């Protein structure tokens, strides 16, 4: 899973993921946004679910609801009830959030 990050003309961080992971890109840029803290909290939640400390973890952000379980991560668009959720293994979500975090830490100059 490759996440491409870029800065738009307003200096906002934007994400791109190839289909069928458009909701993942939307989640990164709309819900995690430029927050290094939110990225780290999401990574901690992934780890806790992976270790079995939580059976399910769920968070609704600006535009998406992220649900973590031992079986998968599910990203649902709150703005489109008809849209199919993005489903992926926890390891792939971890990798995507890690890539997004690295992009943010690199900053605009990178």
PDB file of N, CA and C in Angstrom:
ATOM      1  N   UNK A   1       0.858  -1.184   0.000  1.00  0.00           N
ATOM      2  CA  UNK A   1       0.000   0.000   0.000  1.00  0.00           C
ATOM      3  C   UNK A   1       0.889   1.228   0.000  1.00  0.00           C
ATOM      4  N   UNK A   2       0.732   2.052  -0.994  1.00  0.00           N
ATOM      5  CA  UNK A   2       1.525   3.267  -1.102  1.00  0.00           C
ATOM      6  C   UNK A   2       0.629   4.479  -0.887  1.00  0.00           C
ATOM      7  N   UNK A   3       1.033   5.328   0.043  1.00  0.00           N
ATOM      8  CA  UNK A   3       0.352   6.594   0.290  1.00  0.00           C
ATOM      9  C   UNK A   3       1.254   7.694  -0.248  1.00  0.00           C
ATOM     10  N   UNK A   4       0.720   8.512  -1.134  1.00  0.00           N
ATOM     11  CA  UNK A   4       1.456   9.659  -1.648  1.00  0.00           C
ATOM     12  C   UNK A   4       0.928  10.906  -0.966  1.00  0.00           C
ATOM     13  N   UNK A   5       1.812  11.645  -0.346  1.00  0.00           N
ATOM     14  CA  UNK A   5       1.432  12.896   0.292  1.00  0.00           C
ATOM     15  C   UNK A   5       1.950  14.081  -0.494  1.00  0.00           C
ATOM     16  N   UNK A   6       1.186  15.136  -0.502  1.00  0.00           N
ATOM     17  CA  UNK A   6       1.617  16.368  -1.149  1.00  0.00           C
ATOM     18  C   UNK A   6       0.946  17.543  -0.440  1.00  0.00           C
ATOM     19  N   UNK A   7       1.471  18.728  -0.671  1.00  0.00           N
ATOM     20  CA  UNK A   7       0.929  19.947  -0.068  1.00  0.00           C
ATOM     21  C   UNK A   7       0.194  20.711  -1.155  1.00  0.00           C
ATOM     22  N   UNK A   8      -1.043  21.116  -0.858  1.00  0.00           N
ATOM     23  CA  UNK A   8      -1.801  21.859  -1.856  1.00  0.00           C
ATOM     24  C   UNK A   8      -1.435  23.337  -1.813  1.00  0.00           C
ATOM     25  N   UNK A   9      -2.077  24.111  -2.671  1.00  0.00           N
ATOM     26  CA  UNK A   9      -1.758  25.537  -2.781  1.00  0.00           C
ATOM     27  C   UNK A   9      -2.071  26.323  -1.508  1.00  0.00           C
ATOM     28  N   UNK A  10      -2.923  25.786  -0.649  1.00  0.00           N
ATOM     29  CA  UNK A  10      -3.237  26.436   0.629  1.00  0.00           C
ATOM     30  C   UNK A  10      -2.336  25.934   1.751  1.00  0.00           C
ATOM     31  N   UNK A  11      -1.327  25.127   1.406  1.00  0.00           N
ATOM     32  CA  UNK A  11      -0.393  24.538   2.368  1.00  0.00           C
ATOM     33  C   UNK A  11      -1.036  23.496   3.270  1.00  0.00           C
ATOM     34  N   UNK A  12      -2.089  22.855   2.787  1.00  0.00           N
ATOM     35  CA  UNK A  12      -2.723  21.771   3.524  1.00  0.00           C
ATOM     36  C   UNK A  12      -2.175  20.441   3.014  1.00  0.00           C
ATOM     37  N   UNK A  13      -1.958  19.501   3.940  1.00  0.00           N
ATOM     38  CA  UNK A  13      -1.465  18.195   3.498  1.00  0.00           C
ATOM     39  C   UNK A  13      -2.586  17.401   2.833  1.00  0.00           C
ATOM     40  N   UNK A  14      -2.260  16.779   1.715  1.00  0.00           N
ATOM     41  CA  UNK A  14      -3.215  15.982   0.952  1.00  0.00           C
ATOM     42  C   UNK A  14      -2.636  14.598   0.720  1.00  0.00           C
ATOM     43  N   UNK A  15      -3.528  13.618   0.593  1.00  0.00           N
ATOM     44  CA  UNK A  15      -3.106  12.232   0.401  1.00  0.00           C
ATOM     45  C   UNK A  15      -3.715  11.664  -0.863  1.00  0.00           C
ATOM     46  N   UNK A  16      -3.002  10.734  -1.452  1.00  0.00           N
ATOM     47  CA  UNK A  16      -3.520   9.990  -2.600  1.00  0.00           C
ATOM     48  C   UNK A  16      -3.196   8.520  -2.397  1.00  0.00           C
ATOM     49  N   UNK A  17      -4.204   7.674  -2.602  1.00  0.00           N
ATOM     50  CA  UNK A  17      -4.050   6.219  -2.591  1.00  0.00           C
ATOM     51  C   UNK A  17      -4.748   5.686  -3.825  1.00  0.00           C
ATOM     52  N   UNK A  18      -4.163   4.682  -4.427  1.00  0.00           N
ATOM     53  CA  UNK A  18      -4.765   4.079  -5.613  1.00  0.00           C
ATOM     54  C   UNK A  18      -6.065   3.366  -5.243  1.00  0.00           C
ATOM     55  N   UNK A  19      -6.990   3.261  -6.190  1.00  0.00           N
ATOM     56  CA  UNK A  19      -8.219   2.507  -5.946  1.00  0.00           C
ATOM     57  C   UNK A  19      -7.887   1.073  -5.531  1.00  0.00           C
ATOM     58  N   UNK A  20      -8.640   0.523  -4.649  1.00  0.00           N
ATOM     59  CA  UNK A  20      -9.913   0.969  -4.082  1.00  0.00           C
ATOM     60  C   UNK A  20      -9.755   1.661  -2.725  1.00  0.00           C
ATOM     61  N   UNK A  21      -8.655   2.348  -2.509  1.00  0.00           N
ATOM     62  CA  UNK A  21      -8.351   2.910  -1.196  1.00  0.00           C
ATOM     63  C   UNK A  21      -8.556   4.425  -1.106  1.00  0.00           C
ATOM     64  N   UNK A  22      -9.469   4.952  -1.905  1.00  0.00           N
ATOM     65  CA  UNK A  22      -9.722   6.395  -1.870  1.00  0.00           C
ATOM     66  C   UNK A  22     -10.204   6.868  -0.497  1.00  0.00           C
ATOM     67  N   UNK A  23     -11.006   6.053   0.186  1.00  0.00           N
ATOM     68  CA  UNK A  23     -11.474   6.451   1.522  1.00  0.00           C
ATOM     69  C   UNK A  23     -10.322   6.504   2.514  1.00  0.00           C
ATOM     70  N   UNK A  24      -9.316   5.678   2.324  1.00  0.00           N
ATOM     71  CA  UNK A  24      -8.136   5.746   3.180  1.00  0.00           C
ATOM     72  C   UNK A  24      -7.447   7.091   3.005  1.00  0.00           C
ATOM     73  N   UNK A  25      -7.261   7.522   1.779  1.00  0.00           N
ATOM     74  CA  UNK A  25      -6.655   8.832   1.523  1.00  0.00           C
ATOM     75  C   UNK A  25      -7.506   9.945   2.131  1.00  0.00           C
ATOM     76  N   UNK A  26      -8.815   9.852   1.955  1.00  0.00           N
ATOM     77  CA  UNK A  26      -9.711  10.850   2.542  1.00  0.00           C
ATOM     78  C   UNK A  26      -9.625  10.875   4.054  1.00  0.00           C
ATOM     79  N   UNK A  27      -9.549   9.701   4.673  1.00  0.00           N
ATOM     80  CA  UNK A  27      -9.408   9.606   6.124  1.00  0.00           C
ATOM     81  C   UNK A  27      -8.121  10.292   6.582  1.00  0.00           C
ATOM     82  N   UNK A  28      -7.024  10.022   5.892  1.00  0.00           N
ATOM     83  CA  UNK A  28      -5.742  10.613   6.288  1.00  0.00           C
ATOM     84  C   UNK A  28      -5.802  12.140   6.225  1.00  0.00           C
ATOM     85  N   UNK A  29      -6.297  12.676   5.126  1.00  0.00           N
ATOM     86  CA  UNK A  29      -6.260  14.134   4.978  1.00  0.00           C
ATOM     87  C   UNK A  29      -7.408  14.845   5.672  1.00  0.00           C
ATOM     88  N   UNK A  30      -8.557  14.203   5.858  1.00  0.00           N
ATOM     89  CA  UNK A  30      -9.707  14.865   6.476  1.00  0.00           C
ATOM     90  C   UNK A  30      -9.793  14.655   7.981  1.00  0.00           C
ATOM     91  N   UNK A  31      -9.401  13.485   8.435  1.00  0.00           N
ATOM     92  CA  UNK A  31      -9.554  13.175   9.857  1.00  0.00           C
ATOM     93  C   UNK A  31      -8.232  13.272  10.632  1.00  0.00           C
ATOM     94  N   UNK A  32      -7.160  12.712  10.088  1.00  0.00           N
ATOM     95  CA  UNK A  32      -5.861  12.873  10.760  1.00  0.00           C
ATOM     96  C   UNK A  32      -5.255  14.226  10.428  1.00  0.00           C
ATOM     97  N   UNK A  33      -5.540  14.720   9.253  1.00  0.00           N
ATOM     98  CA  UNK A  33      -5.079  16.025   8.777  1.00  0.00           C
ATOM     99  C   UNK A  33      -3.568  16.154   8.970  1.00  0.00           C
ATOM    100  N   UNK A  34      -3.135  17.275   9.466  1.00  0.00           N
ATOM    101  CA  UNK A  34      -1.710  17.503   9.696  1.00  0.00           C
ATOM    102  C   UNK A  34      -1.294  17.230  11.123  1.00  0.00           C
ATOM    103  N   UNK A  35      -2.076  16.463  11.850  1.00  0.00           N
ATOM    104  CA  UNK A  35      -1.825  16.238  13.271  1.00  0.00           C
ATOM    105  C   UNK A  35      -0.930  15.020  13.520  1.00  0.00           C
ATOM    106  N   UNK A  36       0.283  15.290  13.903  1.00  0.00           N
ATOM    107  CA  UNK A  36       1.213  14.225  14.271  1.00  0.00           C
ATOM    108  C   UNK A  36       0.679  13.481  15.488  1.00  0.00           C
ATOM    109  N   UNK A  37       0.066  14.201  16.420  1.00  0.00           N
ATOM    110  CA  UNK A  37      -0.506  13.588  17.612  1.00  0.00           C
ATOM    111  C   UNK A  37      -1.620  12.602  17.287  1.00  0.00           C
ATOM    112  N   UNK A  38      -2.530  12.971  16.365  1.00  0.00           N
ATOM    113  CA  UNK A  38      -3.607  12.061  15.973  1.00  0.00           C
ATOM    114  C   UNK A  38      -3.049  10.826  15.261  1.00  0.00           C
ATOM    115  N   UNK A  39      -2.010  11.008  14.474  1.00  0.00           N
ATOM    116  CA  UNK A  39      -1.369   9.849  13.823  1.00  0.00           C
ATOM    117  C   UNK A  39      -0.832   8.894  14.878  1.00  0.00           C
ATOM    118  N   UNK A  40      -0.150   9.423  15.857  1.00  0.00           N
ATOM    119  CA  UNK A  40       0.434   8.570  16.904  1.00  0.00           C
ATOM    120  C   UNK A  40      -0.650   7.885  17.729  1.00  0.00           C
ATOM    121  N   UNK A  41      -1.734   8.583  18.023  1.00  0.00           N
ATOM    122  CA  UNK A  41      -2.840   7.969  18.763  1.00  0.00           C
ATOM    123  C   UNK A  41      -3.489   6.847  17.957  1.00  0.00           C
ATOM    124  N   UNK A  42      -3.629   7.054  16.665  1.00  0.00           N
ATOM    125  CA  UNK A  42      -4.197   6.011  15.807  1.00  0.00           C
ATOM    126  C   UNK A  42      -3.274   4.797  15.763  1.00  0.00           C
ATOM    127  N   UNK A  43      -1.978   5.015  15.673  1.00  0.00           N
ATOM    128  CA  UNK A  43      -1.024   3.904  15.688  1.00  0.00           C
ATOM    129  C   UNK A  43      -1.084   3.140  17.012  1.00  0.00           C
ATOM    130  N   UNK A  44      -1.228   3.866  18.114  1.00  0.00           N
ATOM    131  CA  UNK A  44      -1.373   3.201  19.420  1.00  0.00           C
ATOM    132  C   UNK A  44      -2.644   2.354  19.466  1.00  0.00           C
ATOM    133  N   UNK A  45      -3.732   2.873  18.918  1.00  0.00           N
ATOM    134  CA  UNK A  45      -4.988   2.117  18.897  1.00  0.00           C
ATOM    135  C   UNK A  45      -4.839   0.850  18.053  1.00  0.00           C
ATOM    136  N   UNK A  46      -4.172   0.956  16.914  1.00  0.00           N
ATOM    137  CA  UNK A  46      -3.925  -0.220  16.073  1.00  0.00           C
ATOM    138  C   UNK A  46      -3.134  -1.261  16.860  1.00  0.00           C
ATOM    139  N   UNK A  47      -2.122  -0.812  17.567  1.00  0.00           N
ATOM    140  CA  UNK A  47      -1.300  -1.737  18.363  1.00  0.00           C
ATOM    141  C   UNK A  47      -2.117  -2.401  19.467  1.00  0.00           C
ATOM    142  N   UNK A  48      -2.951  -1.630  20.164  1.00  0.00           N
ATOM    143  CA  UNK A  48      -3.756  -2.195  21.252  1.00  0.00           C
ATOM    144  C   UNK A  48      -4.743  -3.245  20.735  1.00  0.00           C
ATOM    145  N   UNK A  49      -5.365  -2.970  19.593  1.00  0.00           N
ATOM    146  CA  UNK A  49      -6.286  -3.944  19.006  1.00  0.00           C
ATOM    147  C   UNK A  49      -5.505  -5.169  18.522  1.00  0.00           C
ATOM    148  N   UNK A  50      -4.353  -4.946  17.909  1.00  0.00           N
ATOM    149  CA  UNK A  50      -3.530  -6.062  17.422  1.00  0.00           C
ATOM    150  C   UNK A  50      -3.098  -6.986  18.554  1.00  0.00           C
ATOM    151  N   UNK A  51      -2.808  -6.408  19.708  1.00  0.00           N
ATOM    152  CA  UNK A  51      -2.383  -7.198  20.875  1.00  0.00           C
ATOM    153  C   UNK A  51      -3.561  -7.814  21.629  1.00  0.00           C
ATOM    154  N   UNK A  52      -4.782  -7.478  21.233  1.00  0.00           N
ATOM    155  CA  UNK A  52      -5.958  -8.025  21.895  1.00  0.00           C
ATOM    156  C   UNK A  52      -6.380  -7.269  23.139  1.00  0.00           C
ATOM    157  N   UNK A  53      -5.815  -6.095  23.374  1.00  0.00           N
ATOM    158  CA  UNK A  53      -6.187  -5.296  24.535  1.00  0.00           C
ATOM    159  C   UNK A  53      -7.587  -4.702  24.379  1.00  0.00           C
ATOM    160  N   UNK A  54      -8.006  -4.498  23.146  1.00  0.00           N
ATOM    161  CA  UNK A  54      -9.359  -4.042  22.821  1.00  0.00           C
ATOM    162  C   UNK A  54      -9.901  -4.939  21.724  1.00  0.00           C
ATOM    163  N   UNK A  55     -11.131  -5.396  21.883  1.00  0.00           N
ATOM    164  CA  UNK A  55     -11.745  -6.209  20.828  1.00  0.00           C
ATOM    165  C   UNK A  55     -12.100  -5.329  19.639  1.00  0.00           C
ATOM    166  N   UNK A  56     -12.631  -4.149  19.938  1.00  0.00           N
ATOM    167  CA  UNK A  56     -13.017  -3.189  18.899  1.00  0.00           C
ATOM    168  C   UNK A  56     -12.654  -1.786  19.385  1.00  0.00           C
ATOM    169  N   UNK A  57     -12.176  -0.993  18.482  1.00  0.00           N
ATOM    170  CA  UNK A  57     -11.890   0.413  18.749  1.00  0.00           C
ATOM    171  C   UNK A  57     -12.511   1.206  17.614  1.00  0.00           C
ATOM    172  N   UNK A  58     -13.196   2.298  17.964  1.00  0.00           N
ATOM    173  CA  UNK A  58     -13.879   3.084  16.940  1.00  0.00           C
ATOM    174  C   UNK A  58     -13.743   4.559  17.238  1.00  0.00           C
ATOM    175  N   UNK A  59     -13.565   5.335  16.160  1.00  0.00           N
ATOM    176  CA  UNK A  59     -13.447   6.779  16.286  1.00  0.00           C
ATOM    177  C   UNK A  59     -14.087   7.421  15.057  1.00  0.00           C
ATOM    178  N   UNK A  60     -14.941   8.405  15.290  1.00  0.00           N
ATOM    179  CA  UNK A  60     -15.526   9.166  14.191  1.00  0.00           C
ATOM    180  C   UNK A  60     -14.862  10.528  14.168  1.00  0.00           C
ATOM    181  N   UNK A  61     -14.334  10.870  12.994  1.00  0.00           N
ATOM    182  CA  UNK A  61     -13.657  12.150  12.830  1.00  0.00           C
ATOM    183  C   UNK A  61     -14.506  13.126  12.049  1.00  0.00           C
ATOM    184  N   UNK A  62     -13.848  13.953  11.275  1.00  0.00           N
ATOM    185  CA  UNK A  62     -14.538  14.987  10.502  1.00  0.00           C
ATOM    186  C   UNK A  62     -15.414  14.422   9.391  1.00  0.00           C
ATOM    187  N   UNK A  63     -14.958  13.349   8.755  1.00  0.00           N
ATOM    188  CA  UNK A  63     -15.672  12.841   7.589  1.00  0.00           C
ATOM    189  C   UNK A  63     -15.801  11.321   7.555  1.00  0.00           C
ATOM    190  N   UNK A  64     -15.038  10.626   8.403  1.00  0.00           N
ATOM    191  CA  UNK A  64     -15.004   9.166   8.348  1.00  0.00           C
ATOM    192  C   UNK A  64     -15.094   8.569   9.745  1.00  0.00           C
ATOM    193  N   UNK A  65     -15.565   7.328   9.798  1.00  0.00           N
ATOM    194  CA  UNK A  65     -15.509   6.539  11.019  1.00  0.00           C
ATOM    195  C   UNK A  65     -14.526   5.410  10.782  1.00  0.00           C
ATOM    196  N   UNK A  66     -13.557   5.305  11.677  1.00  0.00           N
ATOM    197  CA  UNK A  66     -12.566   4.237  11.625  1.00  0.00           C
ATOM    198  C   UNK A  66     -12.930   3.218  12.688  1.00  0.00           C
ATOM    199  N   UNK A  67     -13.084   1.957  12.280  1.00  0.00           N
ATOM    200  CA  UNK A  67     -13.365   0.866  13.203  1.00  0.00           C
ATOM    201  C   UNK A  67     -12.247  -0.152  13.070  1.00  0.00           C
ATOM    202  N   UNK A  68     -11.642  -0.489  14.197  1.00  0.00           N
ATOM    203  CA  UNK A  68     -10.570  -1.474  14.237  1.00  0.00           C
ATOM    204  C   UNK A  68     -11.048  -2.704  14.973  1.00  0.00           C
ATOM    205  N   UNK A  69     -10.769  -3.868  14.409  1.00  0.00           N
ATOM    206  CA  UNK A  69     -11.022  -5.142  15.077  1.00  0.00           C
ATOM    207  C   UNK A  69      -9.846  -6.052  14.729  1.00  0.00           C
ATOM    208  N   UNK A  70      -9.787  -7.198  15.352  1.00  0.00           N
ATOM    209  CA  UNK A  70      -8.693  -8.130  15.059  1.00  0.00           C
ATOM    210  C   UNK A  70      -8.714  -8.557  13.594  1.00  0.00           C
ATOM    211  N   UNK A  71      -9.892  -8.587  12.985  1.00  0.00           N
ATOM    212  CA  UNK A  71     -10.037  -9.038  11.604  1.00  0.00           C
ATOM    213  C   UNK A  71      -9.652  -7.990  10.567  1.00  0.00           C
ATOM    214  N   UNK A  72      -9.927  -6.712  10.863  1.00  0.00           N
ATOM    215  CA  UNK A  72      -9.715  -5.689   9.836  1.00  0.00           C
ATOM    216  C   UNK A  72      -9.838  -4.279  10.399  1.00  0.00           C
ATOM    217  N   UNK A  73      -9.429  -3.336   9.559  1.00  0.00           N
ATOM    218  CA  UNK A  73      -9.739  -1.924   9.757  1.00  0.00           C
ATOM    219  C   UNK A  73     -10.804  -1.576   8.724  1.00  0.00           C
ATOM    220  N   UNK A  74     -11.798  -0.801   9.145  1.00  0.00           N
ATOM    221  CA  UNK A  74     -12.885  -0.398   8.245  1.00  0.00           C
ATOM    222  C   UNK A  74     -13.029   1.118   8.322  1.00  0.00           C
ATOM    223  N   UNK A  75     -13.002   1.755   7.167  1.00  0.00           N
ATOM    224  CA  UNK A  75     -13.145   3.206   7.073  1.00  0.00           C
ATOM    225  C   UNK A  75     -14.443   3.487   6.331  1.00  0.00           C
ATOM    226  N   UNK A  76     -15.378   4.134   7.017  1.00  0.00           N
ATOM    227  CA  UNK A  76     -16.683   4.433   6.437  1.00  0.00           C
ATOM    228  C   UNK A  76     -16.848   5.938   6.264  1.00  0.00           C
ATOM    229  N   UNK A  77     -17.314   6.335   5.110  1.00  0.00           N
ATOM    230  CA  UNK A  77     -17.551   7.753   4.820  1.00  0.00           C
ATOM    231  C   UNK A  77     -18.852   8.186   5.487  1.00  0.00           C
ATOM    232  N   UNK A  78     -18.778   9.132   6.380  1.00  0.00           N
ATOM    233  CA  UNK A  78     -19.961   9.645   7.066  1.00  0.00           C
ATOM    234  C   UNK A  78     -20.815  10.515   6.136  1.00  0.00           C
ATOM    235  N   UNK A  79     -20.226  11.011   5.085  1.00  0.00           N
ATOM    236  CA  UNK A  79     -20.918  11.916   4.173  1.00  0.00           C
ATOM    237  C   UNK A  79     -21.644  11.186   3.048  1.00  0.00           C
ATOM    238  N   UNK A  80     -21.479   9.836   2.970  1.00  0.00           N
ATOM    239  CA  UNK A  80     -22.110   9.073   1.891  1.00  0.00           C
ATOM    240  C   UNK A  80     -22.514   7.703   2.416  1.00  0.00           C
ATOM    241  N   UNK A  81     -23.769   7.593   2.826  1.00  0.00           N
ATOM    242  CA  UNK A  81     -24.251   6.343   3.412  1.00  0.00           C
ATOM    243  C   UNK A  81     -24.271   5.195   2.396  1.00  0.00           C
ATOM    244  N   UNK A  82     -24.256   5.516   1.124  1.00  0.00           N
ATOM    245  CA  UNK A  82     -24.300   4.482   0.081  1.00  0.00           C
ATOM    246  C   UNK A  82     -22.912   3.951  -0.301  1.00  0.00           C
ATOM    247  N   UNK A  83     -21.871   4.660   0.101  1.00  0.00           N
ATOM    248  CA  UNK A  83     -20.508   4.269  -0.283  1.00  0.00           C
ATOM    249  C   UNK A  83     -20.077   3.001   0.450  1.00  0.00           C
ATOM    250  N   UNK A  84     -19.395   2.142  -0.266  1.00  0.00           N
ATOM    251  CA  UNK A  84     -18.829   0.942   0.341  1.00  0.00           C
ATOM    252  C   UNK A  84     -17.670   1.344   1.248  1.00  0.00           C
ATOM    253  N   UNK A  85     -17.590   0.747   2.437  1.00  0.00           N
ATOM    254  CA  UNK A  85     -16.456   1.064   3.306  1.00  0.00           C
ATOM    255  C   UNK A  85     -15.154   0.513   2.723  1.00  0.00           C
ATOM    256  N   UNK A  86     -14.077   1.146   3.084  1.00  0.00           N
ATOM    257  CA  UNK A  86     -12.742   0.665   2.732  1.00  0.00           C
ATOM    258  C   UNK A  86     -12.336  -0.316   3.828  1.00  0.00           C
ATOM    259  N   UNK A  87     -12.001  -1.524   3.438  1.00  0.00           N
ATOM    260  CA  UNK A  87     -11.591  -2.558   4.392  1.00  0.00           C
ATOM    261  C   UNK A  87     -10.158  -2.968   4.088  1.00  0.00           C
ATOM    262  N   UNK A  88      -9.349  -3.069   5.135  1.00  0.00           N
ATOM    263  CA  UNK A  88      -7.979  -3.491   4.939  1.00  0.00           C
ATOM    264  C   UNK A  88      -7.434  -4.107   6.226  1.00  0.00           C
ATOM    265  N   UNK A  89      -6.406  -4.928   6.109  1.00  0.00           N
ATOM    266  CA  UNK A  89      -5.806  -5.516   7.304  1.00  0.00           C
ATOM    267  C   UNK A  89      -5.186  -4.424   8.185  1.00  0.00           C
ATOM    268  N   UNK A  90      -5.139  -4.692   9.482  1.00  0.00           N
ATOM    269  CA  UNK A  90      -4.550  -3.721  10.412  1.00  0.00           C
ATOM    270  C   UNK A  90      -3.124  -3.367  10.013  1.00  0.00           C
ATOM    271  N   UNK A  91      -2.355  -4.343   9.556  1.00  0.00           N
ATOM    272  CA  UNK A  91      -0.962  -4.093   9.171  1.00  0.00           C
ATOM    273  C   UNK A  91      -0.878  -3.085   8.022  1.00  0.00           C
ATOM    274  N   UNK A  92      -1.813  -3.165   7.086  1.00  0.00           N
ATOM    275  CA  UNK A  92      -1.809  -2.205   5.978  1.00  0.00           C
ATOM    276  C   UNK A  92      -2.206  -0.810   6.443  1.00  0.00           C
ATOM    277  N   UNK A  93      -3.165  -0.725   7.358  1.00  0.00           N
ATOM    278  CA  UNK A  93      -3.526   0.585   7.903  1.00  0.00           C
ATOM    279  C   UNK A  93      -2.349   1.162   8.671  1.00  0.00           C
ATOM    280  N   UNK A  94      -1.682   0.314   9.448  1.00  0.00           N
ATOM    281  CA  UNK A  94      -0.513   0.769  10.206  1.00  0.00           C
ATOM    282  C   UNK A  94       0.537   1.349   9.260  1.00  0.00           C
ATOM    283  N   UNK A  95       0.794   0.656   8.164  1.00  0.00           N
ATOM    284  CA  UNK A  95       1.777   1.124   7.183  1.00  0.00           C
ATOM    285  C   UNK A  95       1.349   2.456   6.573  1.00  0.00           C
ATOM    286  N   UNK A  96       0.078   2.596   6.228  1.00  0.00           N
ATOM    287  CA  UNK A  96      -0.421   3.839   5.632  1.00  0.00           C
ATOM    288  C   UNK A  96      -0.311   5.011   6.609  1.00  0.00           C
ATOM    289  N   UNK A  97      -0.697   4.796   7.863  1.00  0.00           N
ATOM    290  CA  UNK A  97      -0.611   5.872   8.859  1.00  0.00           C
ATOM    291  C   UNK A  97       0.858   6.209   9.137  1.00  0.00           C
ATOM    292  N   UNK A  98       1.713   5.209   9.142  1.00  0.00           N
ATOM    293  CA  UNK A  98       3.149   5.433   9.340  1.00  0.00           C
ATOM    294  C   UNK A  98       3.717   6.272   8.193  1.00  0.00           C
ATOM    295  N   UNK A  99       3.304   5.972   6.962  1.00  0.00           N
ATOM    296  CA  UNK A  99       3.752   6.762   5.813  1.00  0.00           C
ATOM    297  C   UNK A  99       3.256   8.201   5.909  1.00  0.00           C
ATOM    298  N   UNK A 100       1.997   8.368   6.315  1.00  0.00           N
ATOM    299  CA  UNK A 100       1.419   9.710   6.468  1.00  0.00           C
ATOM    300  C   UNK A 100       2.161  10.478   7.552  1.00  0.00           C
ATOM    301  N   UNK A 101       2.438   9.824   8.656  1.00  0.00           N
ATOM    302  CA  UNK A 101       3.181  10.458   9.752  1.00  0.00           C
ATOM    303  C   UNK A 101       4.566  10.892   9.280  1.00  0.00           C
ATOM    304  N   UNK A 102       5.260  10.048   8.547  1.00  0.00           N
ATOM    305  CA  UNK A 102       6.593  10.395   8.039  1.00  0.00           C
ATOM    306  C   UNK A 102       6.513  11.597   7.099  1.00  0.00           C
ATOM    307  N   UNK A 103       5.497  11.625   6.257  1.00  0.00           N
ATOM    308  CA  UNK A 103       5.284  12.762   5.361  1.00  0.00           C
ATOM    309  C   UNK A 103       5.085  14.045   6.163  1.00  0.00           C
ATOM    310  N   UNK A 104       4.238  13.988   7.198  1.00  0.00           N
ATOM    311  CA  UNK A 104       3.983  15.174   8.019  1.00  0.00           C
ATOM    312  C   UNK A 104       5.239  15.610   8.767  1.00  0.00           C
ATOM    313  N   UNK A 105       5.970  14.660   9.293  1.00  0.00           N
ATOM    314  CA  UNK A 105       7.187  15.005  10.043  1.00  0.00           C
ATOM    315  C   UNK A 105       8.254  15.616   9.140  1.00  0.00           C
ATOM    316  N   UNK A 106       8.265  15.217   7.881  1.00  0.00           N
ATOM    317  CA  UNK A 106       9.204  15.783   6.929  1.00  0.00           C
ATOM    318  C   UNK A 106       8.877  17.248   6.660  1.00  0.00           C
ATOM    319  N   UNK A 107       7.593  17.567   6.717  1.00  0.00           N
ATOM    320  CA  UNK A 107       7.155  18.950   6.562  1.00  0.00           C
ATOM    321  C   UNK A 107       7.145  19.429   5.124  1.00  0.00           C
ATOM    322  N   UNK A 108       6.767  20.646   4.987  1.00  0.00           N
ATOM    323  CA  UNK A 108       6.592  21.265   3.661  1.00  0.00           C
ATOM    324  C   UNK A 108       7.903  21.309   2.900  1.00  0.00           C
ATOM    325  N   UNK A 109       8.999  21.481   3.578  1.00  0.00           N
ATOM    326  CA  UNK A 109      10.285  21.620   2.894  1.00  0.00           C
ATOM    327  C   UNK A 109      10.770  20.318   2.280  1.00  0.00           C
ATOM    328  N   UNK A 110      10.206  19.163   2.756  1.00  0.00           N
ATOM    329  CA  UNK A 110      10.649  17.870   2.250  1.00  0.00           C
ATOM    330  C   UNK A 110      10.094  17.600   0.924  1.00  0.00           C
TER     331      UNK A 110
END
